[in-house]
Amino acid sequence: MIRFEQILEELQDKNSYKVSRTEDKNAVKYFFERVQKEGSISESYNVVIPEENNV
């Protein structure tokens, strides 16, 4: 999981993504968003990682 945390840090620090994380008994959910400074383009990604005991 360390590598994943490093990727999150890079997305936030170097690429200006806003990252939010929620967790429940079934999954960990990440939401990534970046809004371009010029123009009205935004990117967003949802990542859902199921809890291991529910796979």
PDB file of N, CA and C in Angstrom:
ATOM      1  N   MET A   1       0.818  -1.192   0.000  1.00  0.00           N
ATOM      2  CA  MET A   1       0.000   0.000   0.000  1.00  0.00           C
ATOM      3  C   MET A   1       0.864   1.258   0.000  1.00  0.00           C
ATOM      4  N   ILE A   2       2.113   1.133   0.329  1.00  0.00           N
ATOM      5  CA  ILE A   2       3.002   2.292   0.367  1.00  0.00           C
ATOM      6  C   ILE A   2       3.096   2.947  -1.006  1.00  0.00           C
ATOM      7  N   ARG A   3       3.237   2.172  -2.041  1.00  0.00           N
ATOM      8  CA  ARG A   3       3.360   2.719  -3.395  1.00  0.00           C
ATOM      9  C   ARG A   3       2.110   3.513  -3.763  1.00  0.00           C
ATOM     10  N   PHE A   4       0.953   3.007  -3.401  1.00  0.00           N
ATOM     11  CA  PHE A   4      -0.294   3.698  -3.692  1.00  0.00           C
ATOM     12  C   PHE A   4      -0.333   5.052  -2.987  1.00  0.00           C
ATOM     13  N   GLU A   5       0.106   5.106  -1.745  1.00  0.00           N
ATOM     14  CA  GLU A   5       0.149   6.362  -1.006  1.00  0.00           C
ATOM     15  C   GLU A   5       1.107   7.351  -1.667  1.00  0.00           C
ATOM     16  N   GLN A   6       2.205   6.863  -2.221  1.00  0.00           N
ATOM     17  CA  GLN A   6       3.151   7.732  -2.931  1.00  0.00           C
ATOM     18  C   GLN A   6       2.506   8.319  -4.182  1.00  0.00           C
ATOM     19  N   ILE A   7       1.744   7.512  -4.888  1.00  0.00           N
ATOM     20  CA  ILE A   7       1.050   7.987  -6.088  1.00  0.00           C
ATOM     21  C   ILE A   7       0.041   9.062  -5.717  1.00  0.00           C
ATOM     22  N   LEU A   8      -0.701   8.857  -4.641  1.00  0.00           N
ATOM     23  CA  LEU A   8      -1.659   9.861  -4.182  1.00  0.00           C
ATOM     24  C   LEU A   8      -0.971  11.182  -3.874  1.00  0.00           C
ATOM     25  N   GLU A   9       0.150  11.094  -3.203  1.00  0.00           N
ATOM     26  CA  GLU A   9       0.904  12.299  -2.842  1.00  0.00           C
ATOM     27  C   GLU A   9       1.369  13.050  -4.086  1.00  0.00           C
ATOM     28  N   GLU A  10       1.851  12.310  -5.079  1.00  0.00           N
ATOM     29  CA  GLU A  10       2.303  12.947  -6.321  1.00  0.00           C
ATOM     30  C   GLU A  10       1.154  13.620  -7.055  1.00  0.00           C
ATOM     31  N   LEU A  11      -0.005  12.956  -7.087  1.00  0.00           N
ATOM     32  CA  LEU A  11      -1.159  13.553  -7.751  1.00  0.00           C
ATOM     33  C   LEU A  11      -1.561  14.861  -7.087  1.00  0.00           C
ATOM     34  N   GLN A  12      -1.502  14.897  -5.777  1.00  0.00           N
ATOM     35  CA  GLN A  12      -1.884  16.104  -5.057  1.00  0.00           C
ATOM     36  C   GLN A  12      -0.830  17.194  -5.191  1.00  0.00           C
ATOM     37  N   ASP A  13       0.419  16.848  -4.959  1.00  0.00           N
ATOM     38  CA  ASP A  13       1.477  17.856  -4.899  1.00  0.00           C
ATOM     39  C   ASP A  13       1.952  18.328  -6.264  1.00  0.00           C
ATOM     40  N   LYS A  14       2.182  17.415  -7.177  1.00  0.00           N
ATOM     41  CA  LYS A  14       2.798  17.775  -8.455  1.00  0.00           C
ATOM     42  C   LYS A  14       1.790  18.039  -9.561  1.00  0.00           C
ATOM     43  N   ASN A  15       0.625  17.425  -9.489  1.00  0.00           N
ATOM     44  CA  ASN A  15      -0.330  17.540 -10.579  1.00  0.00           C
ATOM     45  C   ASN A  15      -1.606  18.287 -10.211  1.00  0.00           C
ATOM     46  N   SER A  16      -1.636  18.844  -9.016  1.00  0.00           N
ATOM     47  CA  SER A  16      -2.748  19.688  -8.565  1.00  0.00           C
ATOM     48  C   SER A  16      -4.103  18.986  -8.554  1.00  0.00           C
ATOM     49  N   TYR A  17      -4.127  17.714  -8.281  1.00  0.00           N
ATOM     50  CA  TYR A  17      -5.393  17.010  -8.128  1.00  0.00           C
ATOM     51  C   TYR A  17      -5.887  17.172  -6.700  1.00  0.00           C
ATOM     52  N   LYS A  18      -7.186  17.363  -6.559  1.00  0.00           N
ATOM     53  CA  LYS A  18      -7.817  17.295  -5.249  1.00  0.00           C
ATOM     54  C   LYS A  18      -8.219  15.837  -5.051  1.00  0.00           C
ATOM     55  N   VAL A  19      -7.878  15.279  -3.912  1.00  0.00           N
ATOM     56  CA  VAL A  19      -8.170  13.871  -3.645  1.00  0.00           C
ATOM     57  C   VAL A  19      -9.018  13.773  -2.389  1.00  0.00           C
ATOM     58  N   SER A  20     -10.130  13.079  -2.499  1.00  0.00           N
ATOM     59  CA  SER A  20     -10.923  12.805  -1.313  1.00  0.00           C
ATOM     60  C   SER A  20     -11.071  11.291  -1.172  1.00  0.00           C
ATOM     61  N   ARG A  21     -11.251  10.858   0.072  1.00  0.00           N
ATOM     62  CA  ARG A  21     -11.298   9.420   0.370  1.00  0.00           C
ATOM     63  C   ARG A  21     -12.436   9.175   1.345  1.00  0.00           C
ATOM     64  N   THR A  22     -13.232   8.154   1.037  1.00  0.00           N
ATOM     65  CA  THR A  22     -14.255   7.700   1.968  1.00  0.00           C
ATOM     66  C   THR A  22     -14.104   6.196   2.128  1.00  0.00           C
ATOM     67  N   GLU A  23     -14.574   5.710   3.244  1.00  0.00           N
ATOM     68  CA  GLU A  23     -14.399   4.286   3.528  1.00  0.00           C
ATOM     69  C   GLU A  23     -15.643   3.781   4.249  1.00  0.00           C
ATOM     70  N   ASP A  24     -16.080   2.588   3.871  1.00  0.00           N
ATOM     71  CA  ASP A  24     -17.132   1.916   4.614  1.00  0.00           C
ATOM     72  C   ASP A  24     -16.746   0.444   4.755  1.00  0.00           C
ATOM     73  N   LYS A  25     -17.647  -0.380   5.237  1.00  0.00           N
ATOM     74  CA  LYS A  25     -17.285  -1.770   5.489  1.00  0.00           C
ATOM     75  C   LYS A  25     -17.049  -2.575   4.212  1.00  0.00           C
ATOM     76  N   ASN A  26     -17.486  -2.057   3.065  1.00  0.00           N
ATOM     77  CA  ASN A  26     -17.362  -2.787   1.807  1.00  0.00           C
ATOM     78  C   ASN A  26     -16.221  -2.334   0.905  1.00  0.00           C
ATOM     79  N   ALA A  27     -15.826  -1.071   1.023  1.00  0.00           N
ATOM     80  CA  ALA A  27     -14.838  -0.559   0.072  1.00  0.00           C
ATOM     81  C   ALA A  27     -14.207   0.747   0.556  1.00  0.00           C
ATOM     82  N   VAL A  28     -13.072   1.063  -0.061  1.00  0.00           N
ATOM     83  CA  VAL A  28     -12.435   2.364   0.085  1.00  0.00           C
ATOM     84  C   VAL A  28     -12.637   3.075  -1.252  1.00  0.00           C
ATOM     85  N   LYS A  29     -13.132   4.301  -1.195  1.00  0.00           N
ATOM     86  CA  LYS A  29     -13.467   5.030  -2.411  1.00  0.00           C
ATOM     87  C   LYS A  29     -12.644   6.314  -2.482  1.00  0.00           C
ATOM     88  N   TYR A  30     -12.025   6.532  -3.637  1.00  0.00           N
ATOM     89  CA  TYR A  30     -11.232   7.735  -3.877  1.00  0.00           C
ATOM     90  C   TYR A  30     -11.873   8.523  -5.010  1.00  0.00           C
ATOM     91  N   PHE A  31     -11.823   9.837  -4.883  1.00  0.00           N
ATOM     92  CA  PHE A  31     -12.302  10.726  -5.934  1.00  0.00           C
ATOM     93  C   PHE A  31     -11.178  11.714  -6.230  1.00  0.00           C
ATOM     94  N   PHE A  32     -10.764  11.761  -7.493  1.00  0.00           N
ATOM     95  CA  PHE A  32      -9.685  12.653  -7.939  1.00  0.00           C
ATOM     96  C   PHE A  32     -10.291  13.683  -8.878  1.00  0.00           C
ATOM     97  N   GLU A  33      -9.886  14.938  -8.707  1.00  0.00           N
ATOM     98  CA  GLU A  33     -10.397  15.986  -9.583  1.00  0.00           C
ATOM     99  C   GLU A  33      -9.325  17.042  -9.822  1.00  0.00           C
ATOM    100  N   ARG A  34      -9.251  17.498 -11.067  1.00  0.00           N
ATOM    101  CA  ARG A  34      -8.348  18.593 -11.424  1.00  0.00           C
ATOM    102  C   ARG A  34      -9.078  19.514 -12.393  1.00  0.00           C
ATOM    103  N   VAL A  35      -9.031  20.798 -12.092  1.00  0.00           N
ATOM    104  CA  VAL A  35      -9.642  21.805 -12.951  1.00  0.00           C
ATOM    105  C   VAL A  35      -8.516  22.578 -13.625  1.00  0.00           C
ATOM    106  N   GLN A  36      -8.597  22.687 -14.936  1.00  0.00           N
ATOM    107  CA  GLN A  36      -7.588  23.424 -15.688  1.00  0.00           C
ATOM    108  C   GLN A  36      -7.645  24.903 -15.343  1.00  0.00           C
ATOM    109  N   LYS A  37      -6.496  25.533 -15.222  1.00  0.00           N
ATOM    110  CA  LYS A  37      -6.452  26.957 -14.885  1.00  0.00           C
ATOM    111  C   LYS A  37      -7.001  27.809 -16.026  1.00  0.00           C
ATOM    112  N   GLU A  38      -6.679  27.456 -17.248  1.00  0.00           N
ATOM    113  CA  GLU A  38      -7.207  28.163 -18.412  1.00  0.00           C
ATOM    114  C   GLU A  38      -8.317  27.304 -19.013  1.00  0.00           C
ATOM    115  N   GLY A  39      -9.413  27.929 -19.301  1.00  0.00           N
ATOM    116  CA  GLY A  39     -10.511  27.196 -19.910  1.00  0.00           C
ATOM    117  C   GLY A  39     -11.432  26.596 -18.869  1.00  0.00           C
ATOM    118  N   SER A  40     -12.368  25.842 -19.342  1.00  0.00           N
ATOM    119  CA  SER A  40     -13.369  25.274 -18.439  1.00  0.00           C
ATOM    120  C   SER A  40     -13.355  23.746 -18.470  1.00  0.00           C
ATOM    121  N   ILE A  41     -12.193  23.172 -18.597  1.00  0.00           N
ATOM    122  CA  ILE A  41     -12.052  21.718 -18.654  1.00  0.00           C
ATOM    123  C   ILE A  41     -11.691  21.194 -17.266  1.00  0.00           C
ATOM    124  N   SER A  42     -12.352  20.131 -16.862  1.00  0.00           N
ATOM    125  CA  SER A  42     -11.985  19.469 -15.614  1.00  0.00           C
ATOM    126  C   SER A  42     -11.930  17.964 -15.849  1.00  0.00           C
ATOM    127  N   GLU A  43     -11.077  17.316 -15.079  1.00  0.00           N
ATOM    128  CA  GLU A  43     -10.950  15.862 -15.132  1.00  0.00           C
ATOM    129  C   GLU A  43     -11.365  15.324 -13.775  1.00  0.00           C
ATOM    130  N   SER A  44     -12.053  14.194 -13.771  1.00  0.00           N
ATOM    131  CA  SER A  44     -12.357  13.554 -12.492  1.00  0.00           C
ATOM    132  C   SER A  44     -12.340  12.038 -12.681  1.00  0.00           C
ATOM    133  N   TYR A  45     -11.909  11.363 -11.629  1.00  0.00           N
ATOM    134  CA  TYR A  45     -11.809   9.913 -11.626  1.00  0.00           C
ATOM    135  C   TYR A  45     -12.339   9.384 -10.306  1.00  0.00           C
ATOM    136  N   ASN A  46     -13.072   8.293 -10.380  1.00  0.00           N
ATOM    137  CA  ASN A  46     -13.528   7.593  -9.186  1.00  0.00           C
ATOM    138  C   ASN A  46     -12.832   6.242  -9.149  1.00  0.00           C
ATOM    139  N   VAL A  47     -12.291   5.892  -8.002  1.00  0.00           N
ATOM    140  CA  VAL A  47     -11.631   4.598  -7.828  1.00  0.00           C
ATOM    141  C   VAL A  47     -12.275   3.925  -6.617  1.00  0.00           C
ATOM    142  N   VAL A  48     -12.737   2.697  -6.805  1.00  0.00           N
ATOM    143  CA  VAL A  48     -13.332   1.933  -5.717  1.00  0.00           C
ATOM    144  C   VAL A  48     -12.501   0.675  -5.507  1.00  0.00           C
ATOM    145  N   ILE A  49     -12.005   0.519  -4.291  1.00  0.00           N
ATOM    146  CA  ILE A  49     -11.202  -0.651  -3.949  1.00  0.00           C
ATOM    147  C   ILE A  49     -11.986  -1.462  -2.927  1.00  0.00           C
ATOM    148  N   PRO A  50     -12.464  -2.653  -3.319  1.00  0.00           N
ATOM    149  CA  PRO A  50     -13.235  -3.456  -2.374  1.00  0.00           C
ATOM    150  C   PRO A  50     -12.384  -3.921  -1.206  1.00  0.00           C
ATOM    151  N   GLU A  51     -13.015  -4.044  -0.050  1.00  0.00           N
ATOM    152  CA  GLU A  51     -12.313  -4.601   1.099  1.00  0.00           C
ATOM    153  C   GLU A  51     -11.984  -6.065   0.805  1.00  0.00           C
ATOM    154  N   GLU A  52     -10.830  -6.506   1.242  1.00  0.00           N
ATOM    155  CA  GLU A  52     -10.354  -7.850   0.925  1.00  0.00           C
ATOM    156  C   GLU A  52     -11.301  -8.936   1.423  1.00  0.00           C
ATOM    157  N   ASN A  53     -11.897  -8.765   2.577  1.00  0.00           N
ATOM    158  CA  ASN A  53     -12.745  -9.814   3.117  1.00  0.00           C
ATOM    159  C   ASN A  53     -14.075  -9.950   2.389  1.00  0.00           C
ATOM    160  N   ASN A  54     -14.391  -9.021   1.470  1.00  0.00           N
ATOM    161  CA  ASN A  54     -15.631  -9.093   0.697  1.00  0.00           C
ATOM    162  C   ASN A  54     -15.424  -9.547  -0.742  1.00  0.00           C
ATOM    163  N   VAL A  55     -14.203  -9.887  -1.115  1.00  0.00           N
ATOM    164  CA  VAL A  55     -13.911 -10.281  -2.487  1.00  0.00           C
ATOM    165  C   VAL A  55     -14.221 -11.737  -2.670  1.00  0.00           C
TER     166      VAL A  55
END
